[in-house]
Every structure is written in C-alpha cells, then in structure tokens.
PDB file of N, CA and C in Angstrom:
ATOM      1  N   MET A   1      -2.736  -0.607   1.103  1.00  0.00           N
ATOM      2  CA  MET A   1      -3.002  -1.494   0.053  1.00  0.00           C
ATOM      3  C   MET A   1      -4.478  -1.579  -0.188  1.00  0.00           C
ATOM      4  N   PRO A   2      -5.011  -0.967  -1.179  1.00  0.00           N
ATOM      5  CA  PRO A   2      -6.320  -0.984  -1.454  1.00  0.00           C
ATOM      6  C   PRO A   2      -7.131  -2.439  -1.831  1.00  0.00           C
ATOM      7  N   GLY A   3      -6.099  -3.261  -2.406  1.00  0.00           N
ATOM      8  CA  GLY A   3      -6.587  -4.623  -2.747  1.00  0.00           C
ATOM      9  C   GLY A   3      -7.146  -4.421  -4.246  1.00  0.00           C
ATOM     10  N   GLY A   4      -7.750  -5.561  -4.703  1.00  0.00           N
ATOM     11  CA  GLY A   4      -8.215  -5.620  -6.140  1.00  0.00           C
ATOM     12  C   GLY A   4      -9.508  -4.861  -6.149  1.00  0.00           C
ATOM     13  N   ILE A   5      -9.565  -3.940  -7.145  1.00  0.00           N
ATOM     14  CA  ILE A   5     -10.669  -3.090  -7.299  1.00  0.00           C
ATOM     15  C   ILE A   5     -11.282  -3.142  -8.534  1.00  0.00           C
ATOM     16  N   ALA A   6     -12.530  -3.351  -8.763  1.00  0.00           N
ATOM     17  CA  ALA A   6     -13.102  -3.444 -10.191  1.00  0.00           C
ATOM     18  C   ALA A   6     -13.377  -2.016 -10.645  1.00  0.00           C
ATOM     19  N   THR A   7     -12.768  -1.531 -11.542  1.00  0.00           N
ATOM     20  CA  THR A   7     -12.864  -0.210 -12.084  1.00  0.00           C
ATOM     21  C   THR A   7     -12.780  -0.298 -13.704  1.00  0.00           C
ATOM     22  N   GLY A   8     -13.106   0.900 -14.306  1.00  0.00           N
ATOM     23  CA  GLY A   8     -12.847   0.926 -15.573  1.00  0.00           C
ATOM     24  C   GLY A   8     -11.573   0.550 -16.158  1.00  0.00           C
ATOM     25  N   LEU A   9     -10.548   0.647 -15.410  1.00  0.00           N
ATOM     26  CA  LEU A   9      -9.235   0.335 -15.914  1.00  0.00           C
ATOM     27  C   LEU A   9      -9.102  -1.114 -16.362  1.00  0.00           C
ATOM     28  N   GLN A  10      -9.980  -1.964 -15.781  1.00  0.00           N
ATOM     29  CA  GLN A  10      -9.772  -3.432 -16.191  1.00  0.00           C
ATOM     30  C   GLN A  10     -10.834  -3.741 -17.286  1.00  0.00           C
ATOM     31  N   ARG A  11     -11.384  -2.823 -18.173  1.00  0.00           N
ATOM     32  CA  ARG A  11     -12.238  -3.124 -19.050  1.00  0.00           C
ATOM     33  C   ARG A  11     -11.851  -4.147 -20.210  1.00  0.00           C
ATOM     34  N   ARG A  12     -10.488  -4.369 -20.317  1.00  0.00           N
ATOM     35  CA  ARG A  12     -10.131  -5.402 -21.240  1.00  0.00           C
ATOM     36  C   ARG A  12      -9.658  -6.664 -20.475  1.00  0.00           C
ATOM     37  N   VAL A  13      -9.906  -6.764 -19.230  1.00  0.00           N
ATOM     38  CA  VAL A  13      -9.490  -7.980 -18.505  1.00  0.00           C
ATOM     39  C   VAL A  13     -10.570  -8.936 -18.640  1.00  0.00           C
ATOM     40  N   ASP A  14     -10.214 -10.232 -18.797  1.00  0.00           N
ATOM     41  CA  ASP A  14     -10.970 -11.387 -18.902  1.00  0.00           C
ATOM     42  C   ASP A  14     -12.058 -11.296 -17.725  1.00  0.00           C
ATOM     43  N   PRO A  15     -13.383 -11.538 -18.092  1.00  0.00           N
ATOM     44  CA  PRO A  15     -14.399 -11.389 -17.052  1.00  0.00           C
ATOM     45  C   PRO A  15     -14.257 -12.491 -15.882  1.00  0.00           C
ATOM     46  N   GLU A  16     -13.583 -13.643 -16.086  1.00  0.00           N
ATOM     47  CA  GLU A  16     -13.482 -14.564 -15.088  1.00  0.00           C
ATOM     48  C   GLU A  16     -12.244 -13.990 -14.122  1.00  0.00           C
ATOM     49  N   THR A  17     -11.401 -13.269 -14.685  1.00  0.00           N
ATOM     50  CA  THR A  17     -10.277 -12.767 -13.819  1.00  0.00           C
ATOM     51  C   THR A  17     -10.915 -11.779 -12.976  1.00  0.00           C
ATOM     52  N   LEU A  18     -11.821 -10.942 -13.513  1.00  0.00           N
ATOM     53  CA  LEU A  18     -12.489  -9.752 -12.796  1.00  0.00           C
ATOM     54  C   LEU A  18     -13.156 -10.302 -11.561  1.00  0.00           C
ATOM     55  N   LYS A  19     -13.585 -11.548 -11.655  1.00  0.00           N
ATOM     56  CA  LYS A  19     -14.252 -12.001 -10.452  1.00  0.00           C
ATOM     57  C   LYS A  19     -13.452 -12.029  -9.164  1.00  0.00           C
ATOM     58  N   GLN A  20     -12.258 -11.968  -9.313  1.00  0.00           N
ATOM     59  CA  GLN A  20     -11.083 -12.057  -8.175  1.00  0.00           C
ATOM     60  C   GLN A  20     -11.177 -10.637  -7.416  1.00  0.00           C
ATOM     61  N   TYR A  21     -11.602  -9.588  -8.211  1.00  0.00           N
ATOM     62  CA  TYR A  21     -11.562  -8.248  -7.748  1.00  0.00           C
ATOM     63  C   TYR A  21     -12.778  -8.073  -6.822  1.00  0.00           C
ATOM     64  N   GLY A  22     -12.633  -8.102  -5.443  1.00  0.00           N
ATOM     65  CA  GLY A  22     -13.785  -8.020  -4.625  1.00  0.00           C
ATOM     66  C   GLY A  22     -14.226  -6.762  -4.131  1.00  0.00           C
ATOM     67  N   LYS A  23     -13.718  -5.692  -4.662  1.00  0.00           N
ATOM     68  CA  LYS A  23     -14.042  -4.286  -4.081  1.00  0.00           C
ATOM     69  C   LYS A  23     -14.479  -3.303  -5.237  1.00  0.00           C
ATOM     70  N   ASN A  24     -15.416  -2.388  -5.039  1.00  0.00           N
ATOM     71  CA  ASN A  24     -15.784  -1.365  -5.735  1.00  0.00           C
ATOM     72  C   ASN A  24     -14.992  -0.276  -5.621  1.00  0.00           C
ATOM     73  N   SER A  25     -14.987   0.881  -6.191  1.00  0.00           N
ATOM     74  CA  SER A  25     -14.010   1.972  -6.073  1.00  0.00           C
ATOM     75  C   SER A  25     -14.074   2.587  -4.741  1.00  0.00           C
ATOM     76  N   ALA A  26     -15.253   2.724  -4.090  1.00  0.00           N
ATOM     77  CA  ALA A  26     -15.358   3.341  -2.681  1.00  0.00           C
ATOM     78  C   ALA A  26     -14.945   2.330  -1.900  1.00  0.00           C
ATOM     79  N   GLN A  27     -15.028   1.064  -1.938  1.00  0.00           N
ATOM     80  CA  GLN A  27     -14.437   0.105  -0.945  1.00  0.00           C
ATOM     81  C   GLN A  27     -12.875   0.104  -0.928  1.00  0.00           C
ATOM     82  N   GLY A  28     -12.440   0.265  -2.226  1.00  0.00           N
ATOM     83  CA  GLY A  28     -10.946   0.263  -2.609  1.00  0.00           C
ATOM     84  C   GLY A  28     -10.349   1.554  -1.902  1.00  0.00           C
ATOM     85  N   ALA A  29     -11.037   2.555  -1.974  1.00  0.00           N
ATOM     86  CA  ALA A  29     -10.578   3.886  -1.485  1.00  0.00           C
ATOM     87  C   ALA A  29     -10.484   3.984   0.191  1.00  0.00           C
ATOM     88  N   ALA A  30     -11.345   3.079   0.764  1.00  0.00           N
ATOM     89  CA  ALA A  30     -11.504   3.078   2.252  1.00  0.00           C
ATOM     90  C   ALA A  30     -10.282   3.087   2.912  1.00  0.00           C
ATOM     91  N   THR A  31      -9.403   2.199   2.597  1.00  0.00           N
ATOM     92  CA  THR A  31      -8.163   1.972   3.285  1.00  0.00           C
ATOM     93  C   THR A  31      -7.161   3.197   2.999  1.00  0.00           C
ATOM     94  N   THR A  32      -7.144   3.848   2.013  1.00  0.00           N
ATOM     95  CA  THR A  32      -6.303   5.025   1.837  1.00  0.00           C
ATOM     96  C   THR A  32      -6.860   6.189   2.589  1.00  0.00           C
ATOM     97  N   ILE A  33      -8.117   6.174   2.549  1.00  0.00           N
ATOM     98  CA  ILE A  33      -8.958   7.428   3.243  1.00  0.00           C
ATOM     99  C   ILE A  33      -8.721   7.200   4.903  1.00  0.00           C
ATOM    100  N   THR A  34      -8.688   5.890   5.417  1.00  0.00           N
ATOM    101  CA  THR A  34      -8.456   5.611   6.663  1.00  0.00           C
ATOM    102  C   THR A  34      -7.014   5.934   7.150  1.00  0.00           C
ATOM    103  N   ALA A  35      -6.107   5.643   6.192  1.00  0.00           N
ATOM    104  CA  ALA A  35      -4.727   6.022   6.555  1.00  0.00           C
ATOM    105  C   ALA A  35      -4.482   7.517   6.503  1.00  0.00           C
ATOM    106  N   ALA A  36      -5.103   8.264   5.744  1.00  0.00           N
ATOM    107  CA  ALA A  36      -4.951   9.656   5.636  1.00  0.00           C
ATOM    108  C   ALA A  36      -5.556  10.431   6.718  1.00  0.00           C
ATOM    109  N   PHE A  37      -6.694  10.010   7.225  1.00  0.00           N
ATOM    110  CA  PHE A  37      -7.717  10.638   8.190  1.00  0.00           C
ATOM    111  C   PHE A  37      -8.013  10.082   9.389  1.00  0.00           C
ATOM    112  N   GLY A  38      -7.658   8.748   9.570  1.00  0.00           N
ATOM    113  CA  GLY A  38      -7.968   8.158  10.862  1.00  0.00           C
ATOM    114  C   GLY A  38      -6.991   8.516  11.946  1.00  0.00           C
ATOM    115  N   LYS A  39      -7.779   8.915  13.036  1.00  0.00           N
ATOM    116  CA  LYS A  39      -6.946   9.365  14.197  1.00  0.00           C
ATOM    117  C   LYS A  39      -6.055   8.436  14.674  1.00  0.00           C
ATOM    118  N   GLU A  40      -6.425   7.147  14.595  1.00  0.00           N
ATOM    119  CA  GLU A  40      -5.718   6.119  15.263  1.00  0.00           C
ATOM    120  C   GLU A  40      -4.294   5.905  14.624  1.00  0.00           C
ATOM    121  N   TRP A  41      -4.110   6.512  13.288  1.00  0.00           N
ATOM    122  CA  TRP A  41      -2.924   6.381  12.486  1.00  0.00           C
ATOM    123  C   TRP A  41      -2.055   7.621  12.523  1.00  0.00           C
ATOM    124  N   GLU A  42      -2.534   8.709  13.158  1.00  0.00           N
ATOM    125  CA  GLU A  42      -2.042   9.920  13.318  1.00  0.00           C
ATOM    126  C   GLU A  42      -0.651   9.862  13.793  1.00  0.00           C
ATOM    127  N   GLY A  43       0.394  10.371  13.313  1.00  0.00           N
ATOM    128  CA  GLY A  43       1.745  10.277  13.731  1.00  0.00           C
ATOM    129  C   GLY A  43       2.430   9.086  13.577  1.00  0.00           C
ATOM    130  N   LYS A  44       1.892   8.041  12.985  1.00  0.00           N
ATOM    131  CA  LYS A  44       2.555   6.674  12.904  1.00  0.00           C
ATOM    132  C   LYS A  44       2.748   6.494  11.420  1.00  0.00           C
ATOM    133  N   GLY A  45       4.057   6.555  11.077  1.00  0.00           N
ATOM    134  CA  GLY A  45       4.337   6.323   9.724  1.00  0.00           C
ATOM    135  C   GLY A  45       4.875   4.987   9.483  1.00  0.00           C
ATOM    136  N   GLY A  46       4.891   4.385   8.203  1.00  0.00           N
ATOM    137  CA  GLY A  46       5.585   3.249   7.987  1.00  0.00           C
ATOM    138  C   GLY A  46       4.810   1.986   8.394  1.00  0.00           C
ATOM    139  N   ILE A  47       3.442   2.170   8.512  1.00  0.00           N
ATOM    140  CA  ILE A  47       2.701   1.042   8.821  1.00  0.00           C
ATOM    141  C   ILE A  47       1.827   0.571   7.480  1.00  0.00           C
ATOM    142  N   TYR A  48       1.975  -0.660   7.259  1.00  0.00           N
ATOM    143  CA  TYR A  48       1.289  -1.180   6.123  1.00  0.00           C
ATOM    144  C   TYR A  48      -0.212  -1.616   6.469  1.00  0.00           C
ATOM    145  N   LEU A  49      -1.178  -0.976   5.846  1.00  0.00           N
ATOM    146  CA  LEU A  49      -2.557  -1.095   5.978  1.00  0.00           C
ATOM    147  C   LEU A  49      -3.213  -1.855   4.933  1.00  0.00           C
ATOM    148  N   GLU A  50      -4.090  -2.734   5.230  1.00  0.00           N
ATOM    149  CA  GLU A  50      -4.822  -3.515   4.236  1.00  0.00           C
ATOM    150  C   GLU A  50      -6.261  -3.692   4.886  1.00  0.00           C
ATOM    151  N   ASP A  51      -7.294  -3.474   4.014  1.00  0.00           N
ATOM    152  CA  ASP A  51      -8.639  -3.547   4.478  1.00  0.00           C
ATOM    153  C   ASP A  51      -8.912  -2.735   5.703  1.00  0.00           C
ATOM    154  N   CYS A  52      -8.495  -1.442   5.785  1.00  0.00           N
ATOM    155  CA  CYS A  52      -8.661  -0.495   6.835  1.00  0.00           C
ATOM    156  C   CYS A  52      -8.070  -0.923   8.017  1.00  0.00           C
ATOM    157  N   GLN A  53      -7.121  -1.819   8.207  1.00  0.00           N
ATOM    158  CA  GLN A  53      -6.487  -2.126   9.510  1.00  0.00           C
ATOM    159  C   GLN A  53      -4.919  -2.460   9.167  1.00  0.00           C
ATOM    160  N   GLU A  54      -4.255  -2.514  10.242  1.00  0.00           N
ATOM    161  CA  GLU A  54      -2.854  -2.957  10.045  1.00  0.00           C
ATOM    162  C   GLU A  54      -2.605  -4.383   9.393  1.00  0.00           C
ATOM    163  N   ALA A  55      -1.977  -4.513   8.441  1.00  0.00           N
ATOM    164  CA  ALA A  55      -1.762  -5.828   7.760  1.00  0.00           C
ATOM    165  C   ALA A  55      -1.145  -6.822   8.646  1.00  0.00           C
ATOM    166  N   GLY A  56      -1.353  -7.998   8.502  1.00  0.00           N
ATOM    167  CA  GLY A  56      -0.708  -9.158   9.378  1.00  0.00           C
ATOM    168  C   GLY A  56       0.744  -9.305   8.896  1.00  0.00           C
ATOM    169  N   PRO A  57       1.217 -10.447   9.182  1.00  0.00           N
ATOM    170  CA  PRO A  57       2.653 -10.934   8.804  1.00  0.00           C
ATOM    171  C   PRO A  57       2.872 -10.930   7.345  1.00  0.00           C
ATOM    172  N   VAL A  58       4.088 -10.656   7.103  1.00  0.00           N
ATOM    173  CA  VAL A  58       4.549 -10.632   5.657  1.00  0.00           C
ATOM    174  C   VAL A  58       4.402 -11.987   5.124  1.00  0.00           C
ATOM    175  N   PRO A  59       3.655 -11.925   3.831  1.00  0.00           N
ATOM    176  CA  PRO A  59       3.446 -13.172   3.097  1.00  0.00           C
ATOM    177  C   PRO A  59       4.691 -13.883   2.704  1.00  0.00           C
ATOM    178  N   GLU A  60       4.389 -15.244   2.674  1.00  0.00           N
ATOM    179  CA  GLU A  60       5.583 -16.111   2.017  1.00  0.00           C
ATOM    180  C   GLU A  60       5.877 -15.514   0.586  1.00  0.00           C
ATOM    181  N   GLY A  61       7.043 -15.605   0.209  1.00  0.00           N
ATOM    182  CA  GLY A  61       7.470 -15.314  -1.029  1.00  0.00           C
ATOM    183  C   GLY A  61       7.904 -13.973  -1.302  1.00  0.00           C
ATOM    184  N   VAL A  62       7.897 -13.004  -0.266  1.00  0.00           N
ATOM    185  CA  VAL A  62       8.469 -11.733  -0.312  1.00  0.00           C
ATOM    186  C   VAL A  62       9.911 -11.770  -0.122  1.00  0.00           C
ATOM    187  N   ALA A  63      10.694 -11.108  -1.074  1.00  0.00           N
ATOM    188  CA  ALA A  63      12.108 -11.096  -0.984  1.00  0.00           C
ATOM    189  C   ALA A  63      12.579 -10.496   0.345  1.00  0.00           C
ATOM    190  N   PRO A  64      13.426 -11.180   1.080  1.00  0.00           N
ATOM    191  CA  PRO A  64      13.990 -10.753   2.248  1.00  0.00           C
ATOM    192  C   PRO A  64      14.641  -9.162   2.269  1.00  0.00           C
ATOM    193  N   HIS A  65      15.137  -8.888   1.005  1.00  0.00           N
ATOM    194  CA  HIS A  65      15.721  -7.582   0.929  1.00  0.00           C
ATOM    195  C   HIS A  65      14.563  -6.452   0.840  1.00  0.00           C
ATOM    196  N   ALA A  66      13.263  -6.957   0.826  1.00  0.00           N
ATOM    197  CA  ALA A  66      12.207  -5.958   0.769  1.00  0.00           C
ATOM    198  C   ALA A  66      12.050  -5.435   2.225  1.00  0.00           C
ATOM    199  N   PHE A  67      12.834  -6.044   3.294  1.00  0.00           N
ATOM    200  CA  PHE A  67      12.432  -5.696   4.737  1.00  0.00           C
ATOM    201  C   PHE A  67      13.917  -5.473   5.307  1.00  0.00           C
ATOM    202  N   ASP A  68      14.889  -5.009   4.513  1.00  0.00           N
ATOM    203  CA  ASP A  68      16.167  -4.829   5.109  1.00  0.00           C
ATOM    204  C   ASP A  68      16.327  -3.413   5.891  1.00  0.00           C
ATOM    205  N   LEU A  69      16.379  -3.418   7.087  1.00  0.00           N
ATOM    206  CA  LEU A  69      16.303  -2.296   7.909  1.00  0.00           C
ATOM    207  C   LEU A  69      17.479  -1.290   7.663  1.00  0.00           C
ATOM    208  N   GLU A  70      18.658  -1.976   7.533  1.00  0.00           N
ATOM    209  CA  GLU A  70      19.873  -1.085   7.343  1.00  0.00           C
ATOM    210  C   GLU A  70      19.790  -0.353   6.028  1.00  0.00           C
ATOM    211  N   ASP A  71      19.211  -1.159   4.818  1.00  0.00           N
ATOM    212  CA  ASP A  71      19.051  -0.502   3.536  1.00  0.00           C
ATOM    213  C   ASP A  71      18.016   0.614   3.632  1.00  0.00           C
ATOM    214  N   GLU A  72      16.967   0.320   4.461  1.00  0.00           N
ATOM    215  CA  GLU A  72      15.921   1.304   4.702  1.00  0.00           C
ATOM    216  C   GLU A  72      16.331   2.593   5.274  1.00  0.00           C
ATOM    217  N   LYS A  73      17.386   2.517   6.096  1.00  0.00           N
ATOM    218  CA  LYS A  73      17.850   3.691   6.824  1.00  0.00           C
ATOM    219  C   LYS A  73      18.652   4.594   5.753  1.00  0.00           C
ATOM    220  N   LYS A  74      19.246   3.882   4.715  1.00  0.00           N
ATOM    221  CA  LYS A  74      19.992   4.573   3.697  1.00  0.00           C
ATOM    222  C   LYS A  74      19.152   5.240   2.674  1.00  0.00           C
ATOM    223  N   LEU A  75      17.972   4.399   2.315  1.00  0.00           N
ATOM    224  CA  LEU A  75      17.312   4.920   1.179  1.00  0.00           C
ATOM    225  C   LEU A  75      16.502   6.287   1.351  1.00  0.00           C
ATOM    226  N   TRP A  76      16.021   6.544   2.575  1.00  0.00           N
ATOM    227  CA  TRP A  76      15.407   7.716   2.648  1.00  0.00           C
ATOM    228  C   TRP A  76      16.264   9.053   2.433  1.00  0.00           C
ATOM    229  N   PRO A  77      17.486   9.103   2.978  1.00  0.00           N
ATOM    230  CA  PRO A  77      18.285  10.280   2.744  1.00  0.00           C
ATOM    231  C   PRO A  77      18.691  10.324   1.299  1.00  0.00           C
ATOM    232  N   LEU A  78      19.045   9.150   0.725  1.00  0.00           N
ATOM    233  CA  LEU A  78      19.364   9.058  -0.715  1.00  0.00           C
ATOM    234  C   LEU A  78      18.130   9.464  -1.468  1.00  0.00           C
ATOM    235  N   SER A  79      16.923   9.169  -1.389  1.00  0.00           N
ATOM    236  CA  SER A  79      15.784   9.569  -1.978  1.00  0.00           C
ATOM    237  C   SER A  79      15.687  11.056  -1.905  1.00  0.00           C
ATOM    238  N   LEU A  80      15.816  11.696  -0.762  1.00  0.00           N
ATOM    239  CA  LEU A  80      15.721  13.048  -0.585  1.00  0.00           C
ATOM    240  C   LEU A  80      16.675  13.832  -1.468  1.00  0.00           C
ATOM    241  N   THR A  81      17.970  13.331  -1.265  1.00  0.00           N
ATOM    242  CA  THR A  81      19.033  13.782  -2.282  1.00  0.00           C
ATOM    243  C   THR A  81      18.604  13.925  -3.686  1.00  0.00           C
ATOM    244  N   MET A  82      18.362  12.521  -4.194  1.00  0.00           N
ATOM    245  CA  MET A  82      17.991  12.471  -5.560  1.00  0.00           C
ATOM    246  C   MET A  82      16.810  13.424  -6.036  1.00  0.00           C
ATOM    247  N   LEU A  83      15.858  13.620  -5.222  1.00  0.00           N
ATOM    248  CA  LEU A  83      14.675  14.427  -5.533  1.00  0.00           C
ATOM    249  C   LEU A  83      14.934  16.008  -5.137  1.00  0.00           C
ATOM    250  N   ASN A  84      16.221  16.253  -4.736  1.00  0.00           N
ATOM    251  CA  ASN A  84      16.495  17.578  -4.321  1.00  0.00           C
ATOM    252  C   ASN A  84      15.559  18.154  -3.287  1.00  0.00           C
ATOM    253  N   LEU A  85      15.228  17.352  -2.314  1.00  0.00           N
ATOM    254  CA  LEU A  85      14.253  17.747  -1.249  1.00  0.00           C
ATOM    255  C   LEU A  85      14.986  17.689   0.126  1.00  0.00           C
ATOM    256  N   SER A  86      14.561  18.506   1.045  1.00  0.00           N
ATOM    257  CA  SER A  86      14.924  18.355   2.457  1.00  0.00           C
ATOM    258  C   SER A  86      13.964  17.806   3.386  1.00  0.00           C
ATOM    259  N   GLU A  87      14.358  17.312   4.510  1.00  0.00           N
ATOM    260  CA  GLU A  87      13.554  16.548   5.444  1.00  0.00           C
ATOM    261  C   GLU A  87      12.406  17.506   5.843  1.00  0.00           C
TER     262      GLU A  87
END
C-alpha cells in the first residue's frame, strides 16, 4: 500500500483534498520497492506492507469476507484456472 501520493494524476482534484496526500512519487514507490527487493521480505508472500513495514491490525470497517481464509484457499486455484495459468 503506497498510501496517498501527489502526482499528476490528481491534477483535477481540489487543492484542499490534495493536502491529504502526504507523499511524493519517490516516497510512494518506497513501499513497493521495499517489498520487491527487501531481503527481509524474501520468500514471505501474503504480507500487507504500508510505509515500508508490515501493516498493523485490520482497520475497522473492513468487511469480514475480505479475510475469509477458506475462500482464500479456493480463490487462488480458481484464479489460475480462469487465467489459464499453472502454479
């Protein structure tokens, strides 16, 4: 999760709203780069990162089905089948 990033994509967004975006492009890319190349994350899939570290507890308001482990186990093979991919 890169967070709110002020880029040219928001050129039509109200300036007051833009003040909520606390990162520039380089800062926003840092979490993605950390996840891709950070040795501490090597071989560890399924971890949600935010601000270059593992995110804390799930925020309130997130639907319970978003973390259904049984459905998660079904989704991956189904996704591979739908995309005609193999493990």
